[in-house]
Amino acid sequence: MRIEFLSHAGTGYSMMTTEQLEEIGVPPAVIAAAAGTIIIAAAHDQVRAIGAALYTRDPVQAAIYEAKFSEAQRYVAAGKPANVSAADYPFLSAEAPVRGLTKGALADLIIATGNPWLAFAAQMEAARARISADVAAAATIPAKQAAADAVIASLT
């Protein structure tokens, strides 16, 4: 593993492998801590990739999904009123007739689709926190990598 930058005892080391750092006398715990930061960042990237594969990589589409979900929740919480302004429920008003659904049926569909995603998103956030904690708690580079890998495996 290559460490881009590490500072120890007043000296900075740049673009060195963990083996090179060991050879020049940087303590293993210092090297492992630096490697842990890299392992955490890579594992967080993996969590994001898992989520993106299941949701969307497009931030505009993600914002639309979130707005539709919020609107559907508001509509259901209001008791699925029959006579509503398109300005109050723009997604439901525009999309329901195109899909041949009532606003209530579309709201139920949006919520039914969104709830499992929210549950998985919560698992992803918990996984990111678990990765950070478990990698920090592990003492060696192999143990840090194993800790991150175990959490990633729990998501797949």
Protein backbone atom coordinates (compact mmCIF):
# COMPACT_ATOMS: atom_id res chain seq x y z
CA MET A 1 0.00 0.00 0.00
CA ARG A 2 1.30 3.44 -0.89
CA ILE A 3 0.88 6.24 1.65
CA GLU A 4 0.64 9.62 -0.09
CA PHE A 5 1.79 11.61 2.92
CA LEU A 6 2.68 10.78 6.47
CA SER A 7 4.20 13.00 9.12
CA HIS A 8 6.00 11.50 12.10
CA ALA A 9 8.38 13.01 14.63
CA GLY A 10 8.66 16.23 12.68
CA THR A 11 9.49 14.56 9.37
CA GLY A 12 7.19 14.28 6.39
CA TYR A 13 7.21 11.24 4.13
CA SER A 14 5.61 11.31 0.72
CA MET A 15 4.53 8.60 -1.74
CA MET A 16 6.10 5.71 0.12
CA THR A 17 4.91 2.16 0.56
CA THR A 18 4.22 0.78 4.00
CA GLU A 19 7.29 -1.43 3.57
CA GLN A 20 9.52 1.56 2.78
CA LEU A 21 8.18 3.42 5.80
CA GLU A 22 8.95 0.40 8.01
CA GLU A 23 12.48 0.17 6.59
CA ILE A 24 13.28 3.75 7.58
CA GLY A 25 11.97 3.24 11.09
CA VAL A 26 8.47 4.70 11.14
CA PRO A 27 6.64 2.83 13.92
CA PRO A 28 4.14 0.21 12.71
CA ALA A 29 1.31 1.83 14.67
CA VAL A 30 1.89 5.15 12.88
CA ILE A 31 1.93 3.40 9.50
CA ALA A 32 -1.19 1.42 10.37
CA ALA A 33 -3.04 4.59 11.38
CA ALA A 34 -2.17 6.22 8.04
CA ALA A 35 -3.17 3.07 6.17
CA GLY A 36 -6.42 3.01 8.13
CA THR A 37 -7.37 6.37 6.70
CA ILE A 38 -6.84 5.03 3.18
CA ILE A 39 -8.77 1.83 3.94
CA ILE A 40 -11.69 3.81 5.39
CA ALA A 41 -11.85 6.13 2.36
CA ALA A 42 -11.78 3.18 -0.06
CA ALA A 43 -14.46 1.30 1.89
CA HIS A 44 -16.68 4.40 2.00
CA ASP A 45 -16.27 4.62 -1.78
CA GLN A 46 -17.43 1.01 -2.04
CA VAL A 47 -20.51 1.77 0.07
CA ARG A 48 -21.32 4.73 -2.20
CA ALA A 49 -20.88 2.53 -5.29
CA ILE A 50 -23.26 -0.08 -3.87
CA GLY A 51 -25.84 2.63 -3.21
CA ALA A 52 -25.38 4.23 -6.62
CA ALA A 53 -25.91 0.87 -8.32
CA LEU A 54 -29.25 0.53 -6.55
CA TYR A 55 -30.45 4.13 -6.70
CA THR A 56 -29.11 6.69 -9.17
CA ARG A 57 -25.84 8.39 -9.93
CA ASP A 58 -27.64 11.46 -11.25
CA PRO A 59 -28.01 14.16 -8.57
CA VAL A 60 -30.90 15.79 -10.44
CA GLN A 61 -32.83 12.51 -10.59
CA ALA A 62 -32.02 11.88 -6.91
CA ALA A 63 -33.50 15.28 -6.02
CA ILE A 64 -36.62 14.46 -8.03
CA TYR A 65 -37.01 11.09 -6.28
CA GLU A 66 -36.66 12.77 -2.89
CA ALA A 67 -39.20 15.46 -3.79
CA LYS A 68 -41.68 12.86 -5.09
CA PHE A 69 -41.28 10.76 -1.96
CA SER A 70 -41.80 13.78 0.29
CA GLU A 71 -44.84 14.89 -1.71
CA ALA A 72 -46.34 11.39 -1.59
CA GLN A 73 -45.87 11.27 2.19
CA ARG A 74 -47.52 14.69 2.58
CA TYR A 75 -50.45 13.60 0.40
CA VAL A 76 -51.03 10.41 2.37
CA ALA A 77 -50.62 12.25 5.71
CA ALA A 78 -53.28 14.73 4.54
CA GLY A 79 -55.70 11.83 4.08
CA LYS A 80 -55.37 11.58 0.28
CA PRO A 81 -57.63 14.56 -0.42
CA ALA A 82 -59.65 14.32 -3.66
CA ASN A 83 -59.63 17.96 -4.65
CA VAL A 84 -56.12 19.37 -4.53
CA SER A 85 -54.23 22.03 -6.37
CA ALA A 86 -51.59 20.90 -8.83
CA ALA A 87 -49.35 23.51 -7.21
CA ASP A 88 -49.64 21.69 -3.87
CA TYR A 89 -48.90 18.24 -5.33
CA PRO A 90 -47.15 18.87 -8.67
CA PHE A 91 -45.61 15.41 -9.14
CA LEU A 92 -48.76 13.50 -8.26
CA SER A 93 -50.93 15.83 -10.34
CA ALA A 94 -48.72 15.56 -13.42
CA GLU A 95 -47.72 11.90 -13.26
CA ALA A 96 -50.84 10.10 -12.00
CA PRO A 97 -52.96 10.68 -15.14
CA VAL A 98 -50.07 9.70 -17.42
CA ARG A 99 -49.72 6.40 -15.55
CA GLY A 100 -53.49 5.88 -15.41
CA LEU A 101 -53.48 5.98 -11.62
CA THR A 102 -55.22 8.04 -9.01
CA LYS A 103 -53.06 10.41 -7.00
CA GLY A 104 -53.58 8.14 -4.00
CA ALA A 105 -52.49 5.01 -5.85
CA LEU A 106 -49.41 6.78 -7.21
CA ALA A 107 -48.56 8.12 -3.74
CA ASP A 108 -48.84 4.60 -2.33
CA LEU A 109 -46.60 3.27 -5.12
CA ILE A 110 -43.97 5.96 -4.56
CA ILE A 111 -43.93 5.28 -0.82
CA ALA A 112 -43.81 1.51 -1.33
CA THR A 113 -40.83 1.96 -3.64
CA GLY A 114 -39.09 4.51 -1.43
CA ASN A 115 -39.44 2.83 1.98
CA PRO A 116 -37.15 -0.13 1.17
CA TRP A 117 -34.59 2.30 -0.24
CA LEU A 118 -34.70 4.36 2.97
CA ALA A 119 -34.13 1.21 5.02
CA PHE A 120 -31.15 0.25 2.87
CA ALA A 121 -29.80 3.81 2.93
CA ALA A 122 -29.91 3.66 6.73
CA GLN A 123 -27.95 0.38 6.59
CA MET A 124 -25.39 2.04 4.32
CA GLU A 125 -24.92 4.94 6.71
CA ALA A 126 -24.57 2.54 9.63
CA ALA A 127 -22.02 0.58 7.58
CA ARG A 128 -19.97 3.73 6.96
CA ALA A 129 -19.94 4.44 10.69
CA ARG A 130 -19.10 0.80 11.48
CA ILE A 131 -16.23 0.85 8.95
CA SER A 132 -14.73 3.94 10.56
CA ALA A 133 -15.04 2.51 14.07
CA ASP A 134 -13.86 -1.02 13.27
CA VAL A 135 -10.91 0.10 11.14
CA ALA A 136 -9.82 2.58 13.80
CA ALA A 137 -10.03 -0.13 16.47
CA ALA A 138 -7.96 -2.66 14.52
CA ALA A 139 -4.23 -2.56 15.25
CA THR A 140 -2.64 -3.86 12.07
CA ILE A 141 -3.10 -3.10 8.39
CA PRO A 142 -4.41 -6.62 7.59
CA ALA A 143 -6.84 -6.41 10.51
CA LYS A 144 -7.98 -2.96 9.37
CA GLN A 145 -8.59 -4.25 5.84
CA ALA A 146 -10.42 -7.32 7.14
CA ALA A 147 -12.65 -5.12 9.29
CA ALA A 148 -13.60 -2.95 6.32
CA ASP A 149 -14.13 -5.97 4.08
CA ALA A 150 -16.43 -7.62 6.62
CA VAL A 151 -18.69 -4.58 6.76
CA ILE A 152 -18.80 -4.26 2.97
CA ALA A 153 -19.68 -7.96 2.71
CA SER A 154 -22.64 -7.39 5.02
CA LEU A 155 -24.15 -5.03 2.43
CA THR A 156 -23.82 -7.31 -0.56
